[in-house]
Structure formats: C-alpha cells, structure tokens
C-alpha atoms as a PDB file:
ATOM      1  CA  MET A   1    -156.106  51.800 -27.532  1.00  0.00           C
ATOM      2  CA  ILE A   2    -158.870  51.972 -28.724  1.00  0.00           C
ATOM      3  CA  GLU A   3    -160.082  48.532 -26.987  1.00  0.00           C
ATOM      4  CA  ARG A   4    -158.875  49.645 -23.993  1.00  0.00           C
ATOM      5  CA  LEU A   5    -161.409  52.687 -24.559  1.00  0.00           C
ATOM      6  CA  LYS A   6    -164.342  50.452 -25.528  1.00  0.00           C
ATOM      7  CA  ARG A   7    -163.497  48.203 -22.033  1.00  0.00           C
ATOM      8  CA  LYS A   8    -163.921  51.065 -19.789  1.00  0.00           C
ATOM      9  CA  LEU A   9    -166.846  52.834 -22.252  1.00  0.00           C
ATOM     10  CA  LEU A  10    -168.725  49.801 -21.768  1.00  0.00           C
ATOM     11  CA  PHE A  11    -167.871  49.021 -17.931  1.00  0.00           C
ATOM     12  CA  SER A  12    -169.298  52.977 -17.819  1.00  0.00           C
ATOM     13  CA  ILE A  13    -172.221  52.566 -20.039  1.00  0.00           C
ATOM     14  CA  GLY A  14    -173.058  49.358 -17.302  1.00  0.00           C
ATOM     15  CA  LEU A  15    -172.326  51.295 -14.198  1.00  0.00           C
ATOM     16  CA  SER A  16    -174.908  53.672 -15.717  1.00  0.00           C
ATOM     17  CA  ALA A  17    -178.026  51.344 -17.150  1.00  0.00           C
ATOM     18  CA  VAL A  18    -177.625  50.372 -13.222  1.00  0.00           C
ATOM     19  CA  VAL A  19    -178.116  53.858 -12.198  1.00  0.00           C
ATOM     20  CA  PHE A  20    -180.976  54.580 -14.201  1.00  0.00           C
ATOM     21  CA  LEU A  21    -182.241  51.175 -13.144  1.00  0.00           C
ATOM     22  CA  ALA A  22    -182.352  51.724  -9.766  1.00  0.00           C
ATOM     23  CA  LEU A  23    -183.836  55.409 -10.245  1.00  0.00           C
ATOM     24  CA  SER A  24    -186.608  54.447 -12.268  1.00  0.00           C
ATOM     25  CA  LEU A  25    -187.025  51.681  -9.585  1.00  0.00           C
ATOM     26  CA  TYR A  26    -187.202  54.663  -6.714  1.00  0.00           C
ATOM     27  CA  ALA A  27    -189.409  56.689  -8.996  1.00  0.00           C
ATOM     28  CA  ASP A  28    -191.789  54.052  -9.118  1.00  0.00           C
ATOM     29  CA  TRP A  29    -192.121  52.923 -13.174  1.00  0.00           C
ATOM     30  CA  GLY A  30    -195.532  53.642 -13.477  1.00  0.00           C
ATOM     31  CA  ASN A  31    -195.149  56.662 -12.713  1.00  0.00           C
ATOM     32  CA  LEU A  32    -191.882  57.525 -14.313  1.00  0.00           C
ATOM     33  CA  SER A  33    -193.509  56.950 -17.784  1.00  0.00           C
ATOM     34  CA  ASP A  34    -196.559  58.642 -17.313  1.00  0.00           C
ATOM     35  CA  ALA A  35    -193.430  61.668 -16.639  1.00  0.00           C
ATOM     36  CA  LEU A  36    -191.682  60.600 -19.893  1.00  0.00           C
ATOM     37  CA  LEU A  37    -194.566  60.593 -22.512  1.00  0.00           C
ATOM     38  CA  HIS A  38    -196.588  64.117 -20.544  1.00  0.00           C
ATOM     39  CA  LEU A  39    -192.715  65.710 -21.359  1.00  0.00           C
ATOM     40  CA  ASP A  40    -192.981  68.446 -24.064  1.00  0.00           C
ATOM     41  CA  TRP A  41    -189.885  67.390 -26.401  1.00  0.00           C
ATOM     42  CA  ILE A  42    -189.577  70.498 -28.187  1.00  0.00           C
ATOM     43  CA  PHE A  43    -187.510  71.474 -25.082  1.00  0.00           C
ATOM     44  CA  LEU A  44    -185.304  68.682 -26.182  1.00  0.00           C
ATOM     45  CA  PRO A  45    -183.384  69.699 -29.576  1.00  0.00           C
ATOM     46  CA  LEU A  46    -182.769  73.293 -27.841  1.00  0.00           C
ATOM     47  CA  ALA A  47    -180.974  70.833 -24.512  1.00  0.00           C
ATOM     48  CA  LEU A  48    -179.299  69.380 -26.853  1.00  0.00           C
ATOM     49  CA  PHE A  49    -177.658  72.729 -28.845  1.00  0.00           C
ATOM     50  CA  LEU A  50    -177.146  74.048 -25.377  1.00  0.00           C
ATOM     51  CA  ALA A  51    -174.332  71.355 -25.018  1.00  0.00           C
ATOM     52  CA  LEU A  52    -173.155  71.865 -28.172  1.00  0.00           C
ATOM     53  CA  VAL A  53    -172.469  75.723 -27.139  1.00  0.00           C
ATOM     54  CA  ASN A  54    -170.800  73.872 -24.280  1.00  0.00           C
ATOM     55  CA  TYR A  55    -168.558  71.661 -26.503  1.00  0.00           C
ATOM     56  CA  GLY A  56    -167.682  74.590 -28.369  1.00  0.00           C
ATOM     57  CA  LEU A  57    -167.802  77.080 -26.156  1.00  0.00           C
ATOM     58  CA  ARG A  58    -164.496  74.749 -23.969  1.00  0.00           C
ATOM     59  CA  PHE A  59    -162.803  74.331 -27.363  1.00  0.00           C
ATOM     60  CA  LEU A  60    -162.430  77.842 -28.082  1.00  0.00           C
ATOM     61  CA  ARG A  61    -160.428  77.418 -23.990  1.00  0.00           C
ATOM     62  CA  TRP A  62    -158.771  74.557 -25.110  1.00  0.00           C
ATOM     63  CA  GLN A  63    -157.109  76.373 -28.683  1.00  0.00           C
ATOM     64  CA  TYR A  64    -157.024  79.583 -26.463  1.00  0.00           C
ATOM     65  CA  TYR A  65    -154.087  77.450 -23.961  1.00  0.00           C
ATOM     66  CA  LEU A  66    -152.575  75.523 -26.787  1.00  0.00           C
ATOM     67  CA  HIS A  67    -151.772  78.801 -28.495  1.00  0.00           C
ATOM     68  CA  GLN A  68    -150.481  79.582 -25.129  1.00  0.00           C
ATOM     69  CA  LEU A  69    -148.214  76.448 -24.668  1.00  0.00           C
ATOM     70  CA  ASP A  70    -147.263  77.348 -28.141  1.00  0.00           C
ATOM     71  CA  ILE A  71    -148.270  74.141 -29.527  1.00  0.00           C
ATOM     72  CA  ALA A  72    -148.927  74.848 -33.398  1.00  0.00           C
ATOM     73  CA  LEU A  73    -151.719  72.192 -34.202  1.00  0.00           C
ATOM     74  CA  HIS A  74    -153.738  73.227 -36.328  1.00  0.00           C
ATOM     75  CA  TRP A  75    -157.284  74.298 -35.553  1.00  0.00           C
ATOM     76  CA  ARG A  76    -158.967  70.936 -37.398  1.00  0.00           C
ATOM     77  CA  GLU A  77    -156.664  68.365 -35.645  1.00  0.00           C
ATOM     78  CA  SER A  78    -157.248  70.774 -32.405  1.00  0.00           C
ATOM     79  CA  LEU A  79    -160.774  69.698 -32.904  1.00  0.00           C
ATOM     80  CA  VAL A  80    -160.608  66.114 -33.485  1.00  0.00           C
ATOM     81  CA  VAL A  81    -158.255  65.465 -30.219  1.00  0.00           C
ATOM     82  CA  PHE A  82    -160.633  67.810 -28.329  1.00  0.00           C
ATOM     83  CA  LEU A  83    -164.138  66.405 -29.615  1.00  0.00           C
ATOM     84  CA  ALA A  84    -162.197  62.248 -29.032  1.00  0.00           C
ATOM     85  CA  GLY A  85    -161.780  63.684 -26.014  1.00  0.00           C
ATOM     86  CA  LEU A  86    -165.140  63.733 -25.437  1.00  0.00           C
ATOM     87  CA  ILE A  87    -165.513  60.138 -24.830  1.00  0.00           C
ATOM     88  CA  LEU A  88    -163.523  60.658 -21.748  1.00  0.00           C
ATOM     89  CA  SER A  89    -165.312  62.252 -19.787  1.00  0.00           C
ATOM     90  CA  VAL A  90    -167.028  59.102 -18.148  1.00  0.00           C
ATOM     91  CA  THR A  91    -163.321  58.361 -16.755  1.00  0.00           C
ATOM     92  CA  PRO A  92    -162.587  59.235 -12.636  1.00  0.00           C
ATOM     93  CA  GLY A  93    -162.926  63.191 -12.509  1.00  0.00           C
ATOM     94  CA  LYS A  94    -162.482  62.775 -16.842  1.00  0.00           C
ATOM     95  CA  ALA A  95    -158.741  62.226 -15.402  1.00  0.00           C
ATOM     96  CA  GLY A  96    -158.346  60.080 -18.368  1.00  0.00           C
ATOM     97  CA  GLU A  97    -158.436  63.289 -20.811  1.00  0.00           C
ATOM     98  CA  LEU A  98    -154.756  63.280 -19.786  1.00  0.00           C
ATOM     99  CA  LEU A  99    -154.628  61.381 -23.154  1.00  0.00           C
ATOM    100  CA  LYS A 100    -155.408  64.697 -25.412  1.00  0.00           C
ATOM    101  CA  ALA A 101    -151.807  65.451 -24.726  1.00  0.00           C
ATOM    102  CA  TYR A 102    -150.977  61.900 -25.644  1.00  0.00           C
ATOM    103  CA  PHE A 103    -152.403  61.871 -29.393  1.00  0.00           C
ATOM    104  CA  ILE A 104    -150.841  65.570 -29.360  1.00  0.00           C
ATOM    105  CA  LYS A 105    -147.327  63.881 -28.523  1.00  0.00           C
ATOM    106  CA  GLU A 106    -147.900  61.638 -31.476  1.00  0.00           C
ATOM    107  CA  ARG A 107    -148.912  63.985 -33.778  1.00  0.00           C
ATOM    108  CA  LEU A 108    -146.010  66.774 -33.199  1.00  0.00           C
ATOM    109  CA  GLN A 109    -143.758  65.182 -30.760  1.00  0.00           C
ATOM    110  CA  THR A 110    -145.023  67.644 -28.384  1.00  0.00           C
ATOM    111  CA  PRO A 111    -142.866  66.655 -24.858  1.00  0.00           C
ATOM    112  CA  ILE A 112    -146.576  65.346 -23.040  1.00  0.00           C
ATOM    113  CA  SER A 113    -145.466  67.908 -20.129  1.00  0.00           C
ATOM    114  CA  GLN A 114    -145.345  70.720 -22.209  1.00  0.00           C
ATOM    115  CA  SER A 115    -149.493  69.558 -23.294  1.00  0.00           C
ATOM    116  CA  VAL A 116    -150.714  68.236 -20.190  1.00  0.00           C
ATOM    117  CA  PRO A 117    -151.059  71.280 -18.863  1.00  0.00           C
ATOM    118  CA  ALA A 118    -153.508  72.481 -21.046  1.00  0.00           C
ATOM    119  CA  VAL A 119    -155.651  69.598 -20.293  1.00  0.00           C
ATOM    120  CA  ILE A 120    -154.887  70.820 -16.409  1.00  0.00           C
ATOM    121  CA  GLY A 121    -156.332  74.474 -16.924  1.00  0.00           C
ATOM    122  CA  GLU A 122    -159.431  73.228 -18.329  1.00  0.00           C
ATOM    123  CA  ARG A 123    -160.316  71.992 -15.272  1.00  0.00           C
ATOM    124  CA  LEU A 124    -159.118  74.010 -12.830  1.00  0.00           C
ATOM    125  CA  THR A 125    -160.856  76.620 -14.784  1.00  0.00           C
ATOM    126  CA  ASP A 126    -164.263  74.061 -15.069  1.00  0.00           C
ATOM    127  CA  VAL A 127    -164.590  73.691 -11.575  1.00  0.00           C
ATOM    128  CA  ILE A 128    -163.724  77.935 -11.058  1.00  0.00           C
ATOM    129  CA  SER A 129    -166.272  77.779 -13.076  1.00  0.00           C
ATOM    130  CA  LEU A 130    -169.128  75.979 -11.494  1.00  0.00           C
ATOM    131  CA  ILE A 131    -168.262  76.822  -7.578  1.00  0.00           C
ATOM    132  CA  PHE A 132    -168.711  80.623  -8.953  1.00  0.00           C
ATOM    133  CA  LEU A 133    -172.150  79.660 -10.760  1.00  0.00           C
ATOM    134  CA  GLY A 134    -173.045  77.480  -8.159  1.00  0.00           C
ATOM    135  CA  LEU A 135    -172.729  80.413  -5.161  1.00  0.00           C
ATOM    136  CA  ILE A 136    -175.033  82.564  -7.090  1.00  0.00           C
ATOM    137  CA  GLY A 137    -178.183  79.781  -6.389  1.00  0.00           C
ATOM    138  CA  VAL A 138    -176.736  78.627  -3.021  1.00  0.00           C
ATOM    139  CA  TYR A 139    -178.853  81.452  -0.700  1.00  0.00           C
ATOM    140  CA  SER A 140    -181.972  80.451  -2.944  1.00  0.00           C
ATOM    141  CA  PHE A 141    -181.798  77.028  -0.723  1.00  0.00           C
ATOM    142  CA  GLN A 142    -179.802  77.869   2.616  1.00  0.00           C
ATOM    143  CA  VAL A 143    -178.332  73.668   1.765  1.00  0.00           C
ATOM    144  CA  GLY A 144    -174.941  73.348   0.165  1.00  0.00           C
ATOM    145  CA  LEU A 145    -173.123  77.078   1.469  1.00  0.00           C
ATOM    146  CA  MET A 146    -170.578  75.677   3.337  1.00  0.00           C
ATOM    147  CA  PRO A 147    -169.086  72.673   0.775  1.00  0.00           C
ATOM    148  CA  LEU A 148    -168.953  75.561  -1.799  1.00  0.00           C
ATOM    149  CA  LEU A 149    -167.329  78.359   0.684  1.00  0.00           C
ATOM    150  CA  ILE A 150    -164.676  75.287   1.680  1.00  0.00           C
ATOM    151  CA  ALA A 151    -164.485  74.177  -1.788  1.00  0.00           C
ATOM    152  CA  SER A 152    -163.794  77.823  -2.853  1.00  0.00           C
ATOM    153  CA  ALA A 153    -161.436  78.311  -0.152  1.00  0.00           C
ATOM    154  CA  VAL A 154    -159.146  74.986  -1.124  1.00  0.00           C
ATOM    155  CA  LEU A 155    -159.481  76.039  -4.326  1.00  0.00           C
ATOM    156  CA  LEU A 156    -158.073  79.117  -3.610  1.00  0.00           C
ATOM    157  CA  LEU A 157    -155.038  78.634  -1.894  1.00  0.00           C
ATOM    158  CA  GLY A 158    -153.760  76.370  -4.998  1.00  0.00           C
ATOM    159  CA  VAL A 159    -153.987  78.987  -7.097  1.00  0.00           C
ATOM    160  CA  LEU A 160    -152.268  81.104  -4.884  1.00  0.00           C
ATOM    161  CA  ALA A 161    -150.104  78.190  -4.747  1.00  0.00           C
ATOM    162  CA  LEU A 162    -149.569  77.323  -8.283  1.00  0.00           C
ATOM    163  CA  GLY A 163    -148.560  81.254  -8.483  1.00  0.00           C
ATOM    164  CA  VAL A 164    -145.726  81.498  -6.469  1.00  0.00           C
ATOM    165  CA  PRO A 165    -142.566  79.476  -9.114  1.00  0.00           C
ATOM    166  CA  ARG A 166    -139.767  79.501  -5.967  1.00  0.00           C
ATOM    167  CA  LEU A 167    -142.688  77.795  -3.788  1.00  0.00           C
ATOM    168  CA  MET A 168    -143.569  74.703  -6.546  1.00  0.00           C
ATOM    169  CA  HIS A 169    -140.250  74.375  -7.600  1.00  0.00           C
ATOM    170  CA  GLY A 170    -138.867  73.783  -4.401  1.00  0.00           C
ATOM    171  CA  CYS A 171    -142.262  71.782  -3.354  1.00  0.00           C
ATOM    172  CA  ILE A 172    -141.747  69.362  -6.970  1.00  0.00           C
ATOM    173  CA  GLY A 173    -137.899  69.070  -5.705  1.00  0.00           C
ATOM    174  CA  LEU A 174    -139.148  67.723  -3.332  1.00  0.00           C
ATOM    175  CA  PHE A 175    -141.426  64.765  -4.869  1.00  0.00           C
ATOM    176  CA  ALA A 176    -138.867  64.312  -6.902  1.00  0.00           C
ATOM    177  CA  GLN A 177    -136.892  63.178  -4.670  1.00  0.00           C
ATOM    178  CA  LEU A 178    -139.211  59.174  -3.464  1.00  0.00           C
ATOM    179  CA  PRO A 179    -138.105  56.543  -5.412  1.00  0.00           C
ATOM    180  CA  ILE A 180    -140.968  56.542  -7.902  1.00  0.00           C
ATOM    181  CA  LEU A 181    -140.688  59.930  -8.957  1.00  0.00           C
ATOM    182  CA  ASN A 182    -136.957  60.781  -9.320  1.00  0.00           C
ATOM    183  CA  ARG A 183    -136.905  60.160 -12.936  1.00  0.00           C
ATOM    184  CA  PHE A 184    -140.222  62.173 -13.383  1.00  0.00           C
ATOM    185  CA  GLY A 185    -138.140  65.693 -12.007  1.00  0.00           C
ATOM    186  CA  ASN A 186    -137.447  67.126 -14.951  1.00  0.00           C
ATOM    187  CA  ALA A 187    -140.539  66.660 -16.521  1.00  0.00           C
ATOM    188  CA  LEU A 188    -142.393  68.068 -13.815  1.00  0.00           C
ATOM    189  CA  HIS A 189    -140.545  71.220 -13.642  1.00  0.00           C
ATOM    190  CA  ARG A 190    -140.911  71.702 -17.091  1.00  0.00           C
ATOM    191  CA  GLY A 191    -144.655  71.062 -16.757  1.00  0.00           C
ATOM    192  CA  TYR A 192    -144.972  73.898 -14.115  1.00  0.00           C
ATOM    193  CA  ASP A 193    -143.553  76.271 -16.066  1.00  0.00           C
ATOM    194  CA  SER A 194    -145.975  75.792 -18.652  1.00  0.00           C
ATOM    195  CA  LEU A 195    -149.354  75.293 -16.188  1.00  0.00           C
ATOM    196  CA  ALA A 196    -147.338  78.935 -15.178  1.00  0.00           C
ATOM    197  CA  ARG A 197    -148.170  80.190 -18.001  1.00  0.00           C
ATOM    198  CA  LEU A 198    -152.066  79.881 -18.139  1.00  0.00           C
ATOM    199  CA  ILE A 199    -152.756  80.458 -14.401  1.00  0.00           C
ATOM    200  CA  THR A 200    -151.345  84.546 -14.781  1.00  0.00           C
ATOM    201  CA  MET A 201    -154.278  86.502 -14.488  1.00  0.00           C
ATOM    202  CA  PRO A 202    -154.988  87.640 -18.020  1.00  0.00           C
ATOM    203  CA  ALA A 203    -154.768  83.958 -19.044  1.00  0.00           C
ATOM    204  CA  LEU A 204    -157.255  82.485 -16.199  1.00  0.00           C
ATOM    205  CA  PHE A 205    -159.439  85.160 -16.869  1.00  0.00           C
ATOM    206  CA  ARG A 206    -159.995  83.764 -19.861  1.00  0.00           C
ATOM    207  CA  GLY A 207    -160.454  80.497 -18.982  1.00  0.00           C
ATOM    208  CA  VAL A 208    -162.741  81.822 -16.051  1.00  0.00           C
ATOM    209  CA  ALA A 209    -164.647  83.233 -18.603  1.00  0.00           C
ATOM    210  CA  LEU A 210    -165.186  80.977 -21.190  1.00  0.00           C
ATOM    211  CA  GLY A 211    -166.145  78.148 -18.583  1.00  0.00           C
ATOM    212  CA  LEU A 212    -169.061  79.682 -16.961  1.00  0.00           C
ATOM    213  CA  LEU A 213    -170.724  80.787 -19.906  1.00  0.00           C
ATOM    214  CA  ALA A 214    -169.936  77.159 -20.882  1.00  0.00           C
ATOM    215  CA  TRP A 215    -171.051  75.438 -17.548  1.00  0.00           C
ATOM    216  CA  PHE A 216    -173.829  77.921 -17.772  1.00  0.00           C
ATOM    217  CA  SER A 217    -175.165  76.947 -21.435  1.00  0.00           C
ATOM    218  CA  GLU A 218    -175.541  73.206 -19.503  1.00  0.00           C
ATOM    219  CA  CYS A 219    -177.906  74.630 -16.560  1.00  0.00           C
ATOM    220  CA  LEU A 220    -180.017  76.260 -19.132  1.00  0.00           C
ATOM    221  CA  ALA A 221    -180.041  72.598 -20.678  1.00  0.00           C
ATOM    222  CA  PHE A 222    -181.410  71.935 -17.225  1.00  0.00           C
ATOM    223  CA  TYR A 223    -183.382  74.535 -16.793  1.00  0.00           C
ATOM    224  CA  PHE A 224    -185.492  73.772 -20.195  1.00  0.00           C
ATOM    225  CA  VAL A 225    -185.332  70.557 -19.364  1.00  0.00           C
ATOM    226  CA  LEU A 226    -187.353  70.474 -16.194  1.00  0.00           C
ATOM    227  CA  LYS A 227    -189.905  72.978 -18.330  1.00  0.00           C
ATOM    228  CA  GLY A 228    -190.414  70.160 -20.531  1.00  0.00           C
ATOM    229  CA  PHE A 229    -191.389  67.890 -17.287  1.00  0.00           C
ATOM    230  CA  GLY A 230    -193.725  71.329 -16.772  1.00  0.00           C
ATOM    231  CA  VAL A 231    -192.044  72.069 -13.204  1.00  0.00           C
ATOM    232  CA  GLN A 232    -192.289  75.976 -13.582  1.00  0.00           C
ATOM    233  CA  SER A 233    -191.186  75.604  -9.663  1.00  0.00           C
ATOM    234  CA  VAL A 234    -187.764  75.620 -10.043  1.00  0.00           C
ATOM    235  CA  GLY A 235    -185.922  79.027 -11.359  1.00  0.00           C
ATOM    236  CA  VAL A 236    -183.069  79.763 -13.877  1.00  0.00           C
ATOM    237  CA  VAL A 237    -181.343  80.134 -10.947  1.00  0.00           C
ATOM    238  CA  ALA A 238    -182.096  77.094  -8.346  1.00  0.00           C
ATOM    239  CA  ALA A 239    -181.654  75.113 -12.188  1.00  0.00           C
ATOM    240  CA  THR A 240    -178.381  76.815 -12.377  1.00  0.00           C
ATOM    241  CA  PHE A 241    -176.976  75.924  -8.917  1.00  0.00           C
ATOM    242  CA  ILE A 242    -178.759  72.261  -8.964  1.00  0.00           C
ATOM    243  CA  TYR A 243    -176.755  71.405 -11.714  1.00  0.00           C
ATOM    244  CA  CYS A 244    -173.471  72.849 -10.523  1.00  0.00           C
ATOM    245  CA  PHE A 245    -173.206  71.849  -7.321  1.00  0.00           C
ATOM    246  CA  ALA A 246    -174.401  67.613  -8.165  1.00  0.00           C
ATOM    247  CA  THR A 247    -171.614  68.275 -10.973  1.00  0.00           C
ATOM    248  CA  LEU A 248    -168.880  69.560  -8.468  1.00  0.00           C
ATOM    249  CA  PHE A 249    -170.093  66.273  -5.858  1.00  0.00           C
ATOM    250  CA  GLY A 250    -169.819  64.078  -8.531  1.00  0.00           C
ATOM    251  CA  ALA A 251    -166.232  64.777  -9.756  1.00  0.00           C
ATOM    252  CA  ALA A 252    -165.555  64.820  -6.225  1.00  0.00           C
ATOM    253  CA  THR A 253    -166.167  61.107  -5.628  1.00  0.00           C
ATOM    254  CA  LEU A 254    -163.993  60.312  -8.308  1.00  0.00           C
ATOM    255  CA  LEU A 255    -166.628  57.957  -9.832  1.00  0.00           C
ATOM    256  CA  PRO A 256    -166.769  57.733 -13.686  1.00  0.00           C
ATOM    257  CA  GLY A 257    -168.470  60.520 -15.056  1.00  0.00           C
ATOM    258  CA  GLY A 258    -169.583  60.825 -11.607  1.00  0.00           C
ATOM    259  CA  LEU A 259    -171.987  58.430 -12.268  1.00  0.00           C
ATOM    260  CA  GLY A 260    -174.703  57.323  -8.968  1.00  0.00           C
ATOM    261  CA  SER A 261    -173.634  60.498  -6.794  1.00  0.00           C
ATOM    262  CA  THR A 262    -174.414  63.569  -9.229  1.00  0.00           C
ATOM    263  CA  GLU A 263    -177.879  61.915 -10.285  1.00  0.00           C
ATOM    264  CA  GLY A 264    -178.380  60.906  -6.619  1.00  0.00           C
ATOM    265  CA  SER A 265    -177.410  64.421  -5.537  1.00  0.00           C
ATOM    266  CA  MET A 266    -179.313  66.001  -8.104  1.00  0.00           C
ATOM    267  CA  VAL A 267    -182.617  64.047  -7.296  1.00  0.00           C
ATOM    268  CA  GLY A 268    -182.551  65.009  -3.740  1.00  0.00           C
ATOM    269  CA  LEU A 269    -182.044  68.729  -3.723  1.00  0.00           C
ATOM    270  CA  LEU A 270    -184.983  68.558  -6.732  1.00  0.00           C
ATOM    271  CA  LEU A 271    -187.009  66.588  -3.313  1.00  0.00           C
ATOM    272  CA  TYR A 272    -186.062  69.208  -0.911  1.00  0.00           C
ATOM    273  CA  ILE A 273    -187.632  72.221  -3.463  1.00  0.00           C
ATOM    274  CA  GLY A 274    -190.348  69.929  -3.816  1.00  0.00           C
ATOM    275  CA  VAL A 275    -190.265  68.844  -7.302  1.00  0.00           C
ATOM    276  CA  VAL A 276    -192.869  65.161  -7.356  1.00  0.00           C
ATOM    277  CA  ARG A 277    -190.135  62.436  -7.178  1.00  0.00           C
ATOM    278  CA  PRO A 278    -191.104  60.935 -11.017  1.00  0.00           C
ATOM    279  CA  ASP A 279    -190.211  64.357 -12.063  1.00  0.00           C
ATOM    280  CA  ALA A 280    -187.051  64.753 -10.367  1.00  0.00           C
ATOM    281  CA  VAL A 281    -186.658  61.577 -11.624  1.00  0.00           C
ATOM    282  CA  GLY A 282    -187.371  61.506 -15.267  1.00  0.00           C
ATOM    283  CA  ALA A 283    -185.618  65.169 -15.616  1.00  0.00           C
ATOM    284  CA  THR A 284    -182.492  63.873 -13.640  1.00  0.00           C
ATOM    285  CA  LEU A 285    -182.145  61.236 -16.691  1.00  0.00           C
ATOM    286  CA  VAL A 286    -183.237  63.453 -19.330  1.00  0.00           C
ATOM    287  CA  VAL A 287    -180.454  65.974 -18.838  1.00  0.00           C
ATOM    288  CA  ARG A 288    -177.228  63.068 -17.920  1.00  0.00           C
ATOM    289  CA  LEU A 289    -178.566  61.761 -21.806  1.00  0.00           C
ATOM    290  CA  CYS A 290    -178.434  65.007 -23.279  1.00  0.00           C
ATOM    291  CA  THR A 291    -174.895  66.062 -21.822  1.00  0.00           C
ATOM    292  CA  LEU A 292    -172.949  63.274 -20.417  1.00  0.00           C
ATOM    293  CA  TRP A 293    -173.987  60.390 -22.996  1.00  0.00           C
ATOM    294  CA  PHE A 294    -173.673  62.878 -25.585  1.00  0.00           C
ATOM    295  CA  ALA A 295    -170.702  64.059 -24.942  1.00  0.00           C
ATOM    296  CA  VAL A 296    -169.670  60.455 -24.650  1.00  0.00           C
ATOM    297  CA  GLY A 297    -171.389  59.793 -28.038  1.00  0.00           C
ATOM    298  CA  ILE A 298    -169.653  62.749 -30.367  1.00  0.00           C
ATOM    299  CA  GLY A 299    -167.095  61.066 -28.492  1.00  0.00           C
ATOM    300  CA  ALA A 300    -167.201  58.202 -29.746  1.00  0.00           C
ATOM    301  CA  TYR A 301    -167.727  58.962 -33.347  1.00  0.00           C
ATOM    302  CA  VAL A 302    -165.097  60.793 -33.880  1.00  0.00           C
ATOM    303  CA  LEU A 303    -162.584  58.502 -32.357  1.00  0.00           C
ATOM    304  CA  LEU A 304    -164.073  55.386 -34.647  1.00  0.00           C
ATOM    305  CA  ARG A 305    -164.359  58.015 -37.695  1.00  0.00           C
ATOM    306  CA  TYR A 306    -160.706  58.776 -37.491  1.00  0.00           C
ATOM    307  CA  ARG A 307    -159.530  56.390 -36.000  1.00  0.00           C
ATOM    308  CA  ARG A 308    -156.599  55.436 -37.540  1.00  0.00           C
ATOM    309  CA  TYR A 309    -155.296  58.913 -36.400  1.00  0.00           C
ATOM    310  CA  PHE A 310    -155.014  57.470 -33.111  1.00  0.00           C
ATOM    311  CA  GLU A 311    -154.147  54.623 -33.389  1.00  0.00           C
ATOM    312  CA  TRP A 312    -150.974  54.821 -35.811  1.00  0.00           C
ATOM    313  CA  GLU A 313    -147.694  53.326 -34.825  1.00  0.00           C
ATOM    314  CA  MET A 314    -145.275  54.658 -37.984  1.00  0.00           C
ATOM    315  CA  GLU A 315    -142.878  57.563 -38.164  1.00  0.00           C
ATOM    316  CA  PRO A 316    -144.194  61.353 -37.724  1.00  0.00           C
ATOM    317  CA  ASP A 317    -143.867  62.404 -41.671  1.00  0.00           C
ATOM    318  CA  ALA A 318    -145.932  59.026 -42.371  1.00  0.00           C
ATOM    319  CA  LYS A 319    -148.863  59.140 -40.219  1.00  0.00           C
ATOM    320  CA  PRO A 320    -152.312  59.899 -41.266  1.00  0.00           C
ATOM    321  CA  ASP A 321    -153.693  63.290 -42.316  1.00  0.00           C
ATOM    322  CA  VAL A 322    -156.794  63.877 -40.476  1.00  0.00           C
ATOM    323  CA  LEU A 323    -157.885  66.616 -42.870  1.00  0.00           C
ATOM    324  CA  GLU A 324    -158.122  63.874 -45.618  1.00  0.00           C
ATOM    325  CA  THR A 325    -161.032  62.320 -46.400  1.00  0.00           C
ATOM    326  CA  GLU A 326    -161.042  58.621 -43.964  1.00  0.00           C
ATOM    327  CA  THR A 327    -162.923  55.399 -45.823  1.00  0.00           C
ATOM    328  CA  GLY A 328    -163.557  51.519 -44.965  1.00  0.00           C
END
C-alpha cells in the first residue's frame, strides 16, 4: 500500500511542479523572484498555524462522526489515521481518503460500510461550508454567483434526498440490480443507514459549524499571505470568496488536489480585482504550499512514522500498537 501511495504522490508532485513552473513563467520569473524576495515572511508562521487549526477542527469533526457511528477507535489511533489521510489530499476529489475506512477495518474489523459514511460526511460538510463562506463574499465580486447558487441548489436537493430513507433504499435497490453492483447491495443499504445518522439536523449542524470554522481559518491564512506580499486591496471577505471559490472549482475538476485548476482560478480572480501578476502568482503558490502541501507533508511523515501500523498482515490481536514507540 505504501508503495502505491508513493507512486501516486510522486505523480502529484510532478504535476504540481509543472503547474508551479507554468505559473512562474506566466508571472515572469524575474518579477516573481522580486515579489518573493520582498515577501514579509513573518506572515508565513501565522499561515501555517491557521492551516493547523483547520486540521485540528476537522479532526474534531472526524472524532464526532466516529462516535456517532459507534466506532470505538482510541483517539490517538484515530489521530494517526486522520493525519495519515492528509497525504491523500492530492487524490482526485480527495477520494483517496476513503482508505481511512480501510485502515479502521484493519484495526477494528469494522465493516467498511460502517466507516465510509464518516469520510462522506466530511466531504459533504466541507462542500456545504465552502459554499456558505463563498456566498458571503460573492457580492464583492459580482462574479461567480450563478455557479455557487447552482451548486447550492444541487447540494440542497441532494441533502433533502438523503434524508428520505424510503427513497434512498429504493434507489439503492435499483442500482443493486445491476450486474456490477448486485453483490454490494447489502453493504450499500448498511452504508446508507450509517450515513443517515450523520445527516440528522443536529449532526449536520455540528459538522457544518466545525467545517465553517476550519475552512475560514485557511481563508484567513490566504488573507495573511496576501498581506505578506503587500497586497492591501484584498480584505478578509474578498480573500474568503477567492479561496473558497478556487477550492470548490479545483475539487469539481476532479484533478489530484485540484492541481492547476485551483491555482489558475485563484490567480485569475486576484488579477480580476487588480492585484499585479507577480503578487497574484506568488501569493497563490505560497498559500498552496502552506495549506495543501503542508498537509501532504504531515500525512507523509505520519504514514512513514507508523508504517507498520498501515501494512500489517497478521491477526487482529497481533497487530502493532500505534501507541507504542516505533523504532527503526
């Protein structure tokens, strides 16, 4: 598993290098270098701290979802699984984070259909939170309103549909009749029953509240990075809209980590409101390093630090204890 993840990570790093090179050429390397040299680096620790706040709040939501699903994973082990999952941020639509359910299954013998809804719940409340935050700033741009409204309508209809068990079980029953899916019918029904626990009003409210705080912290990180480049014309509201819109657009393209699409839309919106090209490109590259690639770095460290924890092939009672000190 580690080797497969390594290959995917190397591919994403290569793609990111191409994106960074293309943006550097677009900004003119000389001008971009000058912008980076004049960057007030005191803002970078603040941006990294705010990214950590994002991960911390999302971990609290992850723990809440595991509790709602009656998955009794020790919080330290849960933290290891969550942090290791950050390396999968560079998979298309973060779909690779479904492997967190596999890790839980290997540790507790919990059916994947019981734990996958926790990952789905994370992504659902992430999208809701980003749309809400984006709508706050959309009127400062007078652009992007229609895509956000369409996304909001689709999401609302989807959540309403998920809240009707008879409808969902009926749909699952129809899909389960397909030759490819017929053997997964029972698992899909169980998975939906677990997901239904996470989309009750109290659970959905708590998940979205934590998501709003988590993603707003990264919006603030973007704002402070812009401040570091001396960009005074972009306030917190505008920075929030740009970051949320670019993140959603990148996720919608299903590219690994939104690479290329997120950066392109972020630069485009900054240019639209008058930020000079070197500063727009520089701020975009730096904030992606402080958020996306910082998360990937943490995930890679945890995955390698507890390598044996994720690669066991022994009986459950013989599996290595993640709480023990690893050596070698």
